[in-house]
C-alpha cells in the first residue's frame, strides 16, 4: 500500500440496512424527484379548485335568479 492511500472496508460503504451507498443515494434522489412531482401536481389541483371557486362566485344562486326574474316579471305585469 502506498503512503496516503487508505483502504476502505466494504462495511463502511453500506447503509445500516445493508444497501450500497450509491444505491441509497440514487433512491434518495428519486424520492426527492417524486416529492417535487407530487407538489407540482397538487399546485395544479389547487389552482383548478381556486379558479372554479372564483368562477362560481360570479354566478347568482338559482333562487336569487328566480326571485329577480319573478320580481321583474311582476313589475312588467303591473304596468
PDB file of N, CA and C in Angstrom:
ATOM      1  N   UNK A   1       0.854  -1.166   0.000  1.00  0.00           N
ATOM      2  CA  UNK A   1       0.000   0.000   0.000  1.00  0.00           C
ATOM      3  C   UNK A   1       0.898   1.226   0.000  1.00  0.00           C
ATOM      4  N   UNK A   2       0.548   2.213  -0.889  1.00  0.00           N
ATOM      5  CA  UNK A   2       1.336   3.436  -0.971  1.00  0.00           C
ATOM      6  C   UNK A   2       0.974   4.362   0.181  1.00  0.00           C
ATOM      7  N   UNK A   3       1.876   5.265   0.479  1.00  0.00           N
ATOM      8  CA  UNK A   3       1.609   6.256   1.512  1.00  0.00           C
ATOM      9  C   UNK A   3       0.511   7.192   1.016  1.00  0.00           C
ATOM     10  N   UNK A   4      -0.439   7.507   1.861  1.00  0.00           N
ATOM     11  CA  UNK A   4      -1.534   8.398   1.500  1.00  0.00           C
ATOM     12  C   UNK A   4      -2.767   7.670   1.002  1.00  0.00           C
ATOM     13  N   UNK A   5      -2.665   6.391   0.725  1.00  0.00           N
ATOM     14  CA  UNK A   5      -3.838   5.639   0.287  1.00  0.00           C
ATOM     15  C   UNK A   5      -4.474   4.974   1.493  1.00  0.00           C
ATOM     16  N   UNK A   6      -5.749   4.989   1.501  1.00  0.00           N
ATOM     17  CA  UNK A   6      -6.481   4.390   2.603  1.00  0.00           C
ATOM     18  C   UNK A   6      -7.418   3.342   2.026  1.00  0.00           C
ATOM     19  N   UNK A   7      -7.337   2.163   2.521  1.00  0.00           N
ATOM     20  CA  UNK A   7      -8.241   1.106   2.080  1.00  0.00           C
ATOM     21  C   UNK A   7      -9.500   1.190   2.918  1.00  0.00           C
ATOM     22  N   UNK A   8     -10.605   1.086   2.249  1.00  0.00           N
ATOM     23  CA  UNK A   8     -11.892   1.190   2.928  1.00  0.00           C
ATOM     24  C   UNK A   8     -12.553  -0.169   2.902  1.00  0.00           C
ATOM     25  N   UNK A   9     -12.983  -0.587   4.051  1.00  0.00           N
ATOM     26  CA  UNK A   9     -13.679  -1.861   4.162  1.00  0.00           C
ATOM     27  C   UNK A   9     -15.064  -1.740   3.528  1.00  0.00           C
ATOM     28  N   UNK A  10     -15.572  -2.782   2.893  1.00  0.00           N
ATOM     29  CA  UNK A  10     -16.916  -2.728   2.318  1.00  0.00           C
ATOM     30  C   UNK A  10     -17.991  -2.418   3.352  1.00  0.00           C
ATOM     31  N   UNK A  11     -17.718  -2.680   4.616  1.00  0.00           N
ATOM     32  CA  UNK A  11     -18.698  -2.387   5.657  1.00  0.00           C
ATOM     33  C   UNK A  11     -18.957  -0.892   5.783  1.00  0.00           C
ATOM     34  N   UNK A  12     -17.977  -0.065   5.421  1.00  0.00           N
ATOM     35  CA  UNK A  12     -18.133   1.375   5.565  1.00  0.00           C
ATOM     36  C   UNK A  12     -18.911   2.010   4.422  1.00  0.00           C
ATOM     37  N   UNK A  13     -19.083   1.308   3.343  1.00  0.00           N
ATOM     38  CA  UNK A  13     -19.790   1.872   2.195  1.00  0.00           C
ATOM     39  C   UNK A  13     -21.189   1.292   2.042  1.00  0.00           C
ATOM     40  N   UNK A  14     -21.707   0.688   3.073  1.00  0.00           N
ATOM     41  CA  UNK A  14     -23.082   0.204   3.052  1.00  0.00           C
ATOM     42  C   UNK A  14     -23.867   0.923   4.127  1.00  0.00           C
ATOM     43  N   UNK A  15     -25.159   0.989   3.941  1.00  0.00           N
ATOM     44  CA  UNK A  15     -26.029   1.603   4.936  1.00  0.00           C
ATOM     45  C   UNK A  15     -26.321   0.589   6.021  1.00  0.00           C
ATOM     46  N   UNK A  16     -27.050   1.034   7.023  1.00  0.00           N
ATOM     47  CA  UNK A  16     -27.375   0.113   8.111  1.00  0.00           C
ATOM     48  C   UNK A  16     -28.264  -1.031   7.631  1.00  0.00           C
ATOM     49  N   UNK A  17     -28.992  -0.812   6.552  1.00  0.00           N
ATOM     50  CA  UNK A  17     -29.835  -1.871   6.004  1.00  0.00           C
ATOM     51  C   UNK A  17     -29.089  -2.804   5.078  1.00  0.00           C
ATOM     52  N   UNK A  18     -27.788  -2.569   4.870  1.00  0.00           N
ATOM     53  CA  UNK A  18     -27.002  -3.446   4.023  1.00  0.00           C
ATOM     54  C   UNK A  18     -26.970  -3.030   2.562  1.00  0.00           C
ATOM     55  N   UNK A  19     -27.613  -1.929   2.196  1.00  0.00           N
ATOM     56  CA  UNK A  19     -27.587  -1.477   0.806  1.00  0.00           C
ATOM     57  C   UNK A  19     -26.306  -0.697   0.550  1.00  0.00           C
ATOM     58  N   UNK A  20     -25.858  -0.726  -0.672  1.00  0.00           N
ATOM     59  CA  UNK A  20     -24.656   0.018  -1.041  1.00  0.00           C
ATOM     60  C   UNK A  20     -24.995   1.512  -1.050  1.00  0.00           C
ATOM     61  N   UNK A  21     -24.043   2.370  -0.690  1.00  0.00           N
ATOM     62  CA  UNK A  21     -24.295   3.800  -0.574  1.00  0.00           C
ATOM     63  C   UNK A  21     -24.733   4.416  -1.898  1.00  0.00           C
ATOM     64  N   UNK A  22     -24.166   3.971  -3.014  1.00  0.00           N
ATOM     65  CA  UNK A  22     -24.575   4.519  -4.306  1.00  0.00           C
ATOM     66  C   UNK A  22     -26.055   4.249  -4.562  1.00  0.00           C
ATOM     67  N   UNK A  23     -26.499   3.065  -4.213  1.00  0.00           N
ATOM     68  CA  UNK A  23     -27.910   2.713  -4.387  1.00  0.00           C
ATOM     69  C   UNK A  23     -28.783   3.559  -3.465  1.00  0.00           C
ATOM     70  N   UNK A  24     -28.336   3.765  -2.235  1.00  0.00           N
ATOM     71  CA  UNK A  24     -29.099   4.581  -1.291  1.00  0.00           C
ATOM     72  C   UNK A  24     -29.199   6.020  -1.781  1.00  0.00           C
ATOM     73  N   UNK A  25     -28.104   6.578  -2.323  1.00  0.00           N
ATOM     74  CA  UNK A  25     -28.134   7.942  -2.851  1.00  0.00           C
ATOM     75  C   UNK A  25     -29.067   8.033  -4.049  1.00  0.00           C
ATOM     76  N   UNK A  26     -29.037   7.039  -4.909  1.00  0.00           N
ATOM     77  CA  UNK A  26     -29.896   7.026  -6.088  1.00  0.00           C
ATOM     78  C   UNK A  26     -31.366   6.999  -5.680  1.00  0.00           C
ATOM     79  N   UNK A  27     -31.708   6.179  -4.703  1.00  0.00           N
ATOM     80  CA  UNK A  27     -33.088   6.099  -4.238  1.00  0.00           C
ATOM     81  C   UNK A  27     -33.515   7.400  -3.578  1.00  0.00           C
ATOM     82  N   UNK A  28     -32.607   8.032  -2.846  1.00  0.00           N
ATOM     83  CA  UNK A  28     -32.933   9.298  -2.199  1.00  0.00           C
ATOM     84  C   UNK A  28     -33.228  10.362  -3.246  1.00  0.00           C
ATOM     85  N   UNK A  29     -32.445  10.417  -4.319  1.00  0.00           N
ATOM     86  CA  UNK A  29     -32.698  11.377  -5.382  1.00  0.00           C
ATOM     87  C   UNK A  29     -34.049  11.118  -6.030  1.00  0.00           C
ATOM     88  N   UNK A  30     -34.376   9.859  -6.267  1.00  0.00           N
ATOM     89  CA  UNK A  30     -35.666   9.527  -6.864  1.00  0.00           C
ATOM     90  C   UNK A  30     -36.813   9.935  -5.956  1.00  0.00           C
ATOM     91  N   UNK A  31     -36.667   9.752  -4.657  1.00  0.00           N
ATOM     92  CA  UNK A  31     -37.711  10.145  -3.720  1.00  0.00           C
ATOM     93  C   UNK A  31     -37.891  11.653  -3.731  1.00  0.00           C
ATOM     94  N   UNK A  32     -36.780  12.388  -3.824  1.00  0.00           N
ATOM     95  CA  UNK A  32     -36.873  13.845  -3.905  1.00  0.00           C
ATOM     96  C   UNK A  32     -37.583  14.285  -5.168  1.00  0.00           C
ATOM     97  N   UNK A  33     -37.288  13.630  -6.276  1.00  0.00           N
ATOM     98  CA  UNK A  33     -37.961  13.946  -7.531  1.00  0.00           C
ATOM     99  C   UNK A  33     -39.440  13.638  -7.471  1.00  0.00           C
ATOM    100  N   UNK A  34     -39.793  12.535  -6.828  1.00  0.00           N
ATOM    101  CA  UNK A  34     -41.201  12.185  -6.680  1.00  0.00           C
ATOM    102  C   UNK A  34     -41.912  13.206  -5.807  1.00  0.00           C
ATOM    103  N   UNK A  35     -41.241  13.687  -4.770  1.00  0.00           N
ATOM    104  CA  UNK A  35     -41.839  14.683  -3.890  1.00  0.00           C
ATOM    105  C   UNK A  35     -42.116  15.973  -4.653  1.00  0.00           C
ATOM    106  N   UNK A  36     -41.155  16.406  -5.454  1.00  0.00           N
ATOM    107  CA  UNK A  36     -41.346  17.621  -6.249  1.00  0.00           C
ATOM    108  C   UNK A  36     -42.467  17.423  -7.263  1.00  0.00           C
ATOM    109  N   UNK A  37     -42.525  16.248  -7.871  1.00  0.00           N
ATOM    110  CA  UNK A  37     -43.568  15.958  -8.852  1.00  0.00           C
ATOM    111  C   UNK A  37     -44.949  16.011  -8.197  1.00  0.00           C
ATOM    112  N   UNK A  38     -45.085  15.414  -7.020  1.00  0.00           N
ATOM    113  CA  UNK A  38     -46.375  15.428  -6.322  1.00  0.00           C
ATOM    114  C   UNK A  38     -46.746  16.844  -5.898  1.00  0.00           C
ATOM    115  N   UNK A  39     -45.764  17.619  -5.441  1.00  0.00           N
ATOM    116  CA  UNK A  39     -46.039  19.003  -5.044  1.00  0.00           C
ATOM    117  C   UNK A  39     -46.515  19.807  -6.250  1.00  0.00           C
ATOM    118  N   UNK A  40     -45.883  19.607  -7.399  1.00  0.00           N
ATOM    119  CA  UNK A  40     -46.271  20.316  -8.608  1.00  0.00           C
ATOM    120  C   UNK A  40     -47.688  19.919  -9.025  1.00  0.00           C
ATOM    121  N   UNK A  41     -48.015  18.637  -8.908  1.00  0.00           N
ATOM    122  CA  UNK A  41     -49.362  18.182  -9.256  1.00  0.00           C
ATOM    123  C   UNK A  41     -50.395  18.774  -8.308  1.00  0.00           C
ATOM    124  N   UNK A  42     -50.055  18.882  -7.024  1.00  0.00           N
ATOM    125  CA  UNK A  42     -51.015  19.439  -6.076  1.00  0.00           C
ATOM    126  C   UNK A  42     -51.223  20.921  -6.321  1.00  0.00           C
ATOM    127  N   UNK A  43     -50.179  21.630  -6.799  1.00  0.00           N
ATOM    128  CA  UNK A  43     -50.350  23.039  -7.150  1.00  0.00           C
ATOM    129  C   UNK A  43     -51.344  23.156  -8.298  1.00  0.00           C
ATOM    130  N   UNK A  44     -51.237  22.260  -9.273  1.00  0.00           N
ATOM    131  CA  UNK A  44     -52.182  22.262 -10.384  1.00  0.00           C
ATOM    132  C   UNK A  44     -53.596  21.987  -9.919  1.00  0.00           C
ATOM    133  N   UNK A  45     -53.760  21.043  -9.034  1.00  0.00           N
ATOM    134  CA  UNK A  45     -55.074  20.721  -8.482  1.00  0.00           C
ATOM    135  C   UNK A  45     -55.623  21.901  -7.702  1.00  0.00           C
ATOM    136  N   UNK A  46     -54.779  22.540  -6.897  1.00  0.00           N
ATOM    137  CA  UNK A  46     -55.223  23.687  -6.107  1.00  0.00           C
ATOM    138  C   UNK A  46     -55.650  24.840  -7.006  1.00  0.00           C
ATOM    139  N   UNK A  47     -54.900  25.103  -8.073  1.00  0.00           N
ATOM    140  CA  UNK A  47     -55.255  26.214  -8.954  1.00  0.00           C
ATOM    141  C   UNK A  47     -56.576  25.948  -9.667  1.00  0.00           C
ATOM    142  N   UNK A  48     -56.822  24.704 -10.073  1.00  0.00           N
ATOM    143  CA  UNK A  48     -58.105  24.372 -10.697  1.00  0.00           C
ATOM    144  C   UNK A  48     -59.241  24.598  -9.708  1.00  0.00           C
ATOM    145  N   UNK A  49     -59.050  24.176  -8.462  1.00  0.00           N
ATOM    146  CA  UNK A  49     -60.070  24.380  -7.434  1.00  0.00           C
ATOM    147  C   UNK A  49     -60.314  25.868  -7.210  1.00  0.00           C
ATOM    148  N   UNK A  50     -59.236  26.663  -7.123  1.00  0.00           N
ATOM    149  CA  UNK A  50     -59.373  28.098  -6.867  1.00  0.00           C
ATOM    150  C   UNK A  50     -60.083  28.794  -8.027  1.00  0.00           C
ATOM    151  N   UNK A  51     -59.717  28.466  -9.260  1.00  0.00           N
ATOM    152  CA  UNK A  51     -60.359  29.087 -10.424  1.00  0.00           C
ATOM    153  C   UNK A  51     -61.835  28.726 -10.471  1.00  0.00           C
ATOM    154  N   UNK A  52     -62.159  27.473 -10.191  1.00  0.00           N
ATOM    155  CA  UNK A  52     -63.557  27.046 -10.176  1.00  0.00           C
ATOM    156  C   UNK A  52     -64.336  27.784  -9.101  1.00  0.00           C
ATOM    157  N   UNK A  53     -63.757  27.921  -7.925  1.00  0.00           N
ATOM    158  CA  UNK A  53     -64.427  28.621  -6.826  1.00  0.00           C
ATOM    159  C   UNK A  53     -64.674  30.086  -7.186  1.00  0.00           C
ATOM    160  N   UNK A  54     -63.688  30.730  -7.781  1.00  0.00           N
ATOM    161  CA  UNK A  54     -63.845  32.137  -8.168  1.00  0.00           C
ATOM    162  C   UNK A  54     -64.912  32.277  -9.249  1.00  0.00           C
ATOM    163  N   UNK A  55     -64.907  31.388 -10.236  1.00  0.00           N
ATOM    164  CA  UNK A  55     -65.897  31.459 -11.310  1.00  0.00           C
ATOM    165  C   UNK A  55     -67.304  31.251 -10.773  1.00  0.00           C
ATOM    166  N   UNK A  56     -67.463  30.312  -9.857  1.00  0.00           N
ATOM    167  CA  UNK A  56     -68.783  30.052  -9.281  1.00  0.00           C
ATOM    168  C   UNK A  56     -69.269  31.252  -8.480  1.00  0.00           C
ATOM    169  N   UNK A  57     -68.340  31.982  -7.853  1.00  0.00           N
ATOM    170  CA  UNK A  57     -68.755  33.124  -7.036  1.00  0.00           C
ATOM    171  C   UNK A  57     -69.369  34.235  -7.882  1.00  0.00           C
ATOM    172  N   UNK A  58     -69.110  34.252  -9.199  1.00  0.00           N
ATOM    173  CA  UNK A  58     -69.707  35.265 -10.063  1.00  0.00           C
ATOM    174  C   UNK A  58     -71.130  34.903 -10.477  1.00  0.00           C
ATOM    175  N   UNK A  59     -71.504  33.662 -10.325  1.00  0.00           N
ATOM    176  CA  UNK A  59     -72.835  33.236 -10.714  1.00  0.00           C
ATOM    177  C   UNK A  59     -73.806  33.468  -9.576  1.00  0.00           C
ATOM    178  N   UNK A  60     -75.028  33.862  -9.929  1.00  0.00           N
ATOM    179  CA  UNK A  60     -76.069  34.023  -8.920  1.00  0.00           C
ATOM    180  C   UNK A  60     -76.615  32.642  -8.562  1.00  0.00           C
ATOM    181  N   UNK A  61     -77.015  32.498  -7.337  1.00  0.00           N
ATOM    182  CA  UNK A  61     -77.642  31.253  -6.913  1.00  0.00           C
ATOM    183  C   UNK A  61     -78.977  31.131  -7.645  1.00  0.00           C
ATOM    184  N   UNK A  62     -79.397  29.953  -8.037  1.00  0.00           N
ATOM    185  CA  UNK A  62     -80.660  29.809  -8.781  1.00  0.00           C
ATOM    186  C   UNK A  62     -81.857  30.447  -8.085  1.00  0.00           C
ATOM    187  N   UNK A  63     -81.938  30.368  -6.745  1.00  0.00           N
ATOM    188  CA  UNK A  63     -83.058  31.010  -6.046  1.00  0.00           C
ATOM    189  C   UNK A  63     -83.027  32.521  -6.235  1.00  0.00           C
ATOM    190  N   UNK A  64     -81.829  33.105  -6.161  1.00  0.00           N
ATOM    191  CA  UNK A  64     -81.701  34.549  -6.350  1.00  0.00           C
ATOM    192  C   UNK A  64     -82.095  34.930  -7.777  1.00  0.00           C
ATOM    193  N   UNK A  65     -81.710  34.125  -8.742  1.00  0.00           N
ATOM    194  CA  UNK A  65     -82.039  34.400 -10.136  1.00  0.00           C
ATOM    195  C   UNK A  65     -83.550  34.316 -10.345  1.00  0.00           C
ATOM    196  N   UNK A  66     -84.179  33.293  -9.788  1.00  0.00           N
ATOM    197  CA  UNK A  66     -85.630  33.132  -9.927  1.00  0.00           C
ATOM    198  C   UNK A  66     -86.347  34.287  -9.251  1.00  0.00           C
ATOM    199  N   UNK A  67     -85.888  34.682  -8.062  1.00  0.00           N
ATOM    200  CA  UNK A  67     -86.507  35.788  -7.338  1.00  0.00           C
ATOM    201  C   UNK A  67     -86.390  37.085  -8.144  1.00  0.00           C
ATOM    202  N   UNK A  68     -85.237  37.341  -8.732  1.00  0.00           N
ATOM    203  CA  UNK A  68     -85.047  38.557  -9.525  1.00  0.00           C
ATOM    204  C   UNK A  68     -85.921  38.526 -10.775  1.00  0.00           C
ATOM    205  N   UNK A  69     -86.003  37.385 -11.411  1.00  0.00           N
ATOM    206  CA  UNK A  69     -86.819  37.281 -12.619  1.00  0.00           C
ATOM    207  C   UNK A  69     -88.305  37.410 -12.300  1.00  0.00           C
ATOM    208  N   UNK A  70     -88.740  36.820 -11.191  1.00  0.00           N
ATOM    209  CA  UNK A  70     -90.163  36.907 -10.854  1.00  0.00           C
ATOM    210  C   UNK A  70     -90.544  38.328 -10.467  1.00  0.00           C
ATOM    211  N   UNK A  71     -89.668  39.032  -9.745  1.00  0.00           N
ATOM    212  CA  UNK A  71     -89.996  40.416  -9.391  1.00  0.00           C
ATOM    213  C   UNK A  71     -89.974  41.300 -10.637  1.00  0.00           C
ATOM    214  N   UNK A  72     -89.087  41.048 -11.574  1.00  0.00           N
ATOM    215  CA  UNK A  72     -89.073  41.808 -12.828  1.00  0.00           C
ATOM    216  C   UNK A  72     -90.334  41.506 -13.629  1.00  0.00           C
ATOM    217  N   UNK A  73     -90.765  40.245 -13.631  1.00  0.00           N
ATOM    218  CA  UNK A  73     -91.988  39.870 -14.344  1.00  0.00           C
ATOM    219  C   UNK A  73     -93.199  40.546 -13.707  1.00  0.00           C
ATOM    220  N   UNK A  74     -93.249  40.573 -12.362  1.00  0.00           N
ATOM    221  CA  UNK A  74     -94.360  41.218 -11.665  1.00  0.00           C
ATOM    222  C   UNK A  74     -94.385  42.716 -11.953  1.00  0.00           C
ATOM    223  N   UNK A  75     -93.235  43.358 -12.010  1.00  0.00           N
ATOM    224  CA  UNK A  75     -93.189  44.789 -12.322  1.00  0.00           C
ATOM    225  C   UNK A  75     -93.668  45.036 -13.747  1.00  0.00           C
ATOM    226  N   UNK A  76     -93.302  44.164 -14.670  1.00  0.00           N
ATOM    227  CA  UNK A  76     -93.720  44.363 -16.058  1.00  0.00           C
ATOM    228  C   UNK A  76     -95.223  44.133 -16.207  1.00  0.00           C
ATOM    229  N   UNK A  77     -95.806  43.253 -15.413  1.00  0.00           N
ATOM    230  CA  UNK A  77     -97.240  42.991 -15.485  1.00  0.00           C
ATOM    231  C   UNK A  77     -98.038  44.104 -14.818  1.00  0.00           C
ATOM    232  N   UNK A  78     -97.443  44.797 -13.851  1.00  0.00           N
ATOM    233  CA  UNK A  78     -98.142  45.852 -13.131  1.00  0.00           C
ATOM    234  C   UNK A  78     -98.265  47.110 -13.989  1.00  0.00           C
ATOM    235  N   UNK A  79     -97.491  47.233 -15.032  1.00  0.00           N
ATOM    236  CA  UNK A  79     -97.536  48.452 -15.854  1.00  0.00           C
ATOM    237  C   UNK A  79     -98.695  48.465 -16.758  1.00  0.00           C
TER     238      UNK A  79
END
